[in-house]
Amino acid sequence: MLAIKTRLSKLLAVFAAAVLLAVVSLGAKNYIEVKKELQATKEALKIQKINDKNLGFTKLFIEQVLQAEKEIDFETRLKLENAVRGIGDEEIFTQWQKFIESKTEAEAQKGVKNLLDLLVHKIQT
């Protein structure tokens, strides 16, 4: 009788260990999946923030420069400069610099086209 109880206790301990191992394995698998999802969500949020800054500057540029009825004042230029720097993209900033350093109307028009083209192409999906 004692041998049967000992055997049953051992069998129960093995079964409990197997169940515990299965639970831990499933938990680890779920943890890894959740971690991957979190990383993907963080990356999507990062892209969204960049896109928001890019689109915010683009909108400001269109409203304040392309649709301007008068010469651009210092405050507006400063606002645009801060917005373009806020994007944090060296290529866009370089194109902005080329635009503001234009000497002729033809250079400025080309600079606008290049800047807007770059801004549109930098929007990520």
C-alpha atoms as a PDB file:
ATOM      1  CA  MET A   1       0.000   0.000   0.000  1.00  0.00           C
ATOM      2  CA  LEU A   2       2.840   2.357   0.886  1.00  0.00           C
ATOM      3  CA  ALA A   3       4.570   1.518  -2.402  1.00  0.00           C
ATOM      4  CA  ILE A   4       1.415   2.401  -4.336  1.00  0.00           C
ATOM      5  CA  LYS A   5       1.111   5.738  -2.497  1.00  0.00           C
ATOM      6  CA  THR A   6       4.787   6.515  -3.152  1.00  0.00           C
ATOM      7  CA  ARG A   7       4.402   5.601  -6.808  1.00  0.00           C
ATOM      8  CA  LEU A   8       1.243   7.689  -7.065  1.00  0.00           C
ATOM      9  CA  SER A   9       2.990  10.630  -5.382  1.00  0.00           C
ATOM     10  CA  LYS A  10       5.879  10.377  -7.843  1.00  0.00           C
ATOM     11  CA  LEU A  11       3.499  10.145 -10.781  1.00  0.00           C
ATOM     12  CA  LEU A  12       1.581  13.148  -9.488  1.00  0.00           C
ATOM     13  CA  ALA A  13       4.829  15.108  -9.055  1.00  0.00           C
ATOM     14  CA  VAL A  14       5.913  14.268 -12.631  1.00  0.00           C
ATOM     15  CA  PHE A  15       2.487  15.293 -13.941  1.00  0.00           C
ATOM     16  CA  ALA A  16       2.607  18.569 -11.971  1.00  0.00           C
ATOM     17  CA  ALA A  17       6.115  19.282 -13.278  1.00  0.00           C
ATOM     18  CA  ALA A  18       4.949  18.621 -16.864  1.00  0.00           C
ATOM     19  CA  VAL A  19       1.973  20.945 -16.430  1.00  0.00           C
ATOM     20  CA  LEU A  20       4.200  23.608 -14.892  1.00  0.00           C
ATOM     21  CA  LEU A  21       6.685  23.287 -17.773  1.00  0.00           C
ATOM     22  CA  ALA A  22       3.860  23.626 -20.313  1.00  0.00           C
ATOM     23  CA  VAL A  23       2.516  26.750 -18.583  1.00  0.00           C
ATOM     24  CA  VAL A  24       5.970  28.345 -18.428  1.00  0.00           C
ATOM     25  CA  SER A  25       6.600  27.515 -22.108  1.00  0.00           C
ATOM     26  CA  LEU A  26       3.301  29.069 -23.178  1.00  0.00           C
ATOM     27  CA  GLY A  27       3.987  32.122 -21.031  1.00  0.00           C
ATOM     28  CA  ALA A  28       7.424  32.566 -22.594  1.00  0.00           C
ATOM     29  CA  LYS A  29       5.964  32.193 -26.082  1.00  0.00           C
ATOM     30  CA  ASN A  30       3.289  34.790 -25.336  1.00  0.00           C
ATOM     31  CA  TYR A  31       5.894  37.126 -23.838  1.00  0.00           C
ATOM     32  CA  ILE A  32       8.006  36.953 -26.993  1.00  0.00           C
ATOM     33  CA  GLU A  33       4.972  37.625 -29.209  1.00  0.00           C
ATOM     34  CA  VAL A  34       3.845  40.573 -27.087  1.00  0.00           C
ATOM     35  CA  LYS A  35       7.389  41.965 -27.096  1.00  0.00           C
ATOM     36  CA  LYS A  36       7.485  41.781 -30.922  1.00  0.00           C
ATOM     37  CA  GLU A  37       4.108  43.525 -31.145  1.00  0.00           C
ATOM     38  CA  LEU A  38       5.293  46.230 -28.776  1.00  0.00           C
ATOM     39  CA  GLN A  39       8.418  46.828 -30.868  1.00  0.00           C
ATOM     40  CA  ALA A  40       6.327  47.059 -34.047  1.00  0.00           C
ATOM     41  CA  THR A  41       3.962  49.509 -32.342  1.00  0.00           C
ATOM     42  CA  LYS A  42       6.878  51.656 -31.159  1.00  0.00           C
ATOM     43  CA  GLU A  43       8.295  51.749 -34.689  1.00  0.00           C
ATOM     44  CA  ALA A  44       4.901  52.686 -36.145  1.00  0.00           C
ATOM     45  CA  LEU A  45       4.545  55.470 -33.566  1.00  0.00           C
ATOM     46  CA  LYS A  46       8.021  56.781 -34.413  1.00  0.00           C
ATOM     47  CA  ILE A  47       7.146  56.869 -38.120  1.00  0.00           C
ATOM     48  CA  GLN A  48       3.829  58.573 -37.342  1.00  0.00           C
ATOM     49  CA  LYS A  49       5.570  61.290 -35.317  1.00  0.00           C
ATOM     50  CA  ILE A  50       8.022  61.928 -38.155  1.00  0.00           C
ATOM     51  CA  ASN A  51       5.177  62.071 -40.654  1.00  0.00           C
ATOM     52  CA  ASP A  52       3.230  64.472 -38.435  1.00  0.00           C
ATOM     53  CA  LYS A  53       6.201  66.848 -38.233  1.00  0.00           C
ATOM     54  CA  ASN A  54       6.791  66.554 -41.958  1.00  0.00           C
ATOM     55  CA  LEU A  55       3.154  67.246 -42.812  1.00  0.00           C
ATOM     56  CA  GLY A  56       2.962  70.064 -40.261  1.00  0.00           C
ATOM     57  CA  PHE A  57       5.893  71.830 -41.878  1.00  0.00           C
ATOM     58  CA  THR A  58       4.518  71.167 -45.371  1.00  0.00           C
ATOM     59  CA  LYS A  59       1.165  72.683 -44.419  1.00  0.00           C
ATOM     60  CA  LEU A  60       2.837  75.686 -42.795  1.00  0.00           C
ATOM     61  CA  PHE A  61       5.062  76.173 -45.851  1.00  0.00           C
ATOM     62  CA  ILE A  62       2.111  76.075 -48.236  1.00  0.00           C
ATOM     63  CA  GLU A  63       0.019  78.448 -46.121  1.00  0.00           C
ATOM     64  CA  GLN A  64       2.763  80.914 -45.205  1.00  0.00           C
ATOM     65  CA  VAL A  65       4.929  80.873 -48.338  1.00  0.00           C
ATOM     66  CA  LEU A  66       3.073  79.580 -51.375  1.00  0.00           C
ATOM     67  CA  GLN A  67      -0.225  81.255 -50.529  1.00  0.00           C
ATOM     68  CA  ALA A  68       1.359  84.438 -49.173  1.00  0.00           C
ATOM     69  CA  GLU A  69      -0.072  87.703 -50.440  1.00  0.00           C
ATOM     70  CA  LYS A  70       2.891  89.721 -49.181  1.00  0.00           C
ATOM     71  CA  GLU A  71       6.569  89.354 -48.369  1.00  0.00           C
ATOM     72  CA  ILE A  72       7.409  86.809 -45.653  1.00  0.00           C
ATOM     73  CA  ASP A  73       8.184  88.553 -42.349  1.00  0.00           C
ATOM     74  CA  PHE A  74      10.864  87.600 -39.828  1.00  0.00           C
ATOM     75  CA  GLU A  75       8.444  85.883 -37.411  1.00  0.00           C
ATOM     76  CA  THR A  76       7.052  83.676 -40.159  1.00  0.00           C
ATOM     77  CA  ARG A  77      10.556  82.790 -41.360  1.00  0.00           C
ATOM     78  CA  LEU A  78      11.577  81.919 -37.823  1.00  0.00           C
ATOM     79  CA  LYS A  79       8.485  79.766 -37.400  1.00  0.00           C
ATOM     80  CA  LEU A  80       9.255  77.948 -40.655  1.00  0.00           C
ATOM     81  CA  GLU A  81      12.912  77.544 -39.703  1.00  0.00           C
ATOM     82  CA  ASN A  82      12.001  76.027 -36.329  1.00  0.00           C
ATOM     83  CA  ALA A  83       9.446  73.724 -37.937  1.00  0.00           C
ATOM     84  CA  VAL A  84      11.889  72.426 -40.538  1.00  0.00           C
ATOM     85  CA  ARG A  85      14.571  71.891 -37.888  1.00  0.00           C
ATOM     86  CA  GLY A  86      11.976  70.095 -35.755  1.00  0.00           C
ATOM     87  CA  ILE A  87      11.546  67.446 -38.425  1.00  0.00           C
ATOM     88  CA  GLY A  88      15.067  66.297 -37.674  1.00  0.00           C
ATOM     89  CA  ASP A  89      15.878  65.257 -41.239  1.00  0.00           C
ATOM     90  CA  GLU A  90      19.192  66.551 -42.569  1.00  0.00           C
ATOM     91  CA  GLU A  91      18.199  66.094 -46.207  1.00  0.00           C
ATOM     92  CA  ILE A  92      15.032  68.170 -45.803  1.00  0.00           C
ATOM     93  CA  PHE A  93      16.933  70.826 -43.865  1.00  0.00           C
ATOM     94  CA  THR A  94      19.606  71.004 -46.587  1.00  0.00           C
ATOM     95  CA  GLN A  95      16.927  71.441 -49.253  1.00  0.00           C
ATOM     96  CA  TRP A  96      15.307  74.154 -47.114  1.00  0.00           C
ATOM     97  CA  GLN A  97      18.653  75.945 -46.903  1.00  0.00           C
ATOM     98  CA  LYS A  98      19.015  75.798 -50.690  1.00  0.00           C
ATOM     99  CA  PHE A  99      15.549  77.312 -51.040  1.00  0.00           C
ATOM    100  CA  ILE A 100      16.113  80.200 -48.623  1.00  0.00           C
ATOM    101  CA  GLU A 101      19.516  80.960 -50.140  1.00  0.00           C
ATOM    102  CA  SER A 102      18.031  81.355 -53.627  1.00  0.00           C
ATOM    103  CA  LYS A 103      19.308  84.441 -55.435  1.00  0.00           C
ATOM    104  CA  THR A 104      16.781  84.530 -58.272  1.00  0.00           C
ATOM    105  CA  GLU A 105      13.110  83.784 -58.685  1.00  0.00           C
ATOM    106  CA  ALA A 106      13.972  80.843 -60.945  1.00  0.00           C
ATOM    107  CA  GLU A 107      16.234  79.366 -58.244  1.00  0.00           C
ATOM    108  CA  ALA A 108      13.496  79.892 -55.641  1.00  0.00           C
ATOM    109  CA  GLN A 109      10.899  78.162 -57.846  1.00  0.00           C
ATOM    110  CA  LYS A 110      13.224  75.233 -58.393  1.00  0.00           C
ATOM    111  CA  GLY A 111      13.940  75.150 -54.657  1.00  0.00           C
ATOM    112  CA  VAL A 112      10.226  75.035 -53.852  1.00  0.00           C
ATOM    113  CA  LYS A 113       9.645  72.183 -56.295  1.00  0.00           C
ATOM    114  CA  ASN A 114      12.589  70.221 -54.910  1.00  0.00           C
ATOM    115  CA  LEU A 115      11.604  70.849 -51.296  1.00  0.00           C
ATOM    116  CA  LEU A 116       7.972  69.838 -51.789  1.00  0.00           C
ATOM    117  CA  ASP A 117       8.999  66.780 -53.793  1.00  0.00           C
ATOM    118  CA  LEU A 118      11.368  65.706 -51.039  1.00  0.00           C
ATOM    119  CA  LEU A 119       8.772  66.313 -48.315  1.00  0.00           C
ATOM    120  CA  VAL A 120       6.195  64.185 -50.142  1.00  0.00           C
ATOM    121  CA  HIS A 121       8.681  61.383 -50.750  1.00  0.00           C
ATOM    122  CA  LYS A 122       9.782  61.372 -47.112  1.00  0.00           C
ATOM    123  CA  ILE A 123       6.288  60.548 -45.888  1.00  0.00           C
ATOM    124  CA  GLN A 124       6.434  56.919 -44.772  1.00  0.00           C
ATOM    125  CA  THR A 125       3.622  54.429 -44.728  1.00  0.00           C
END
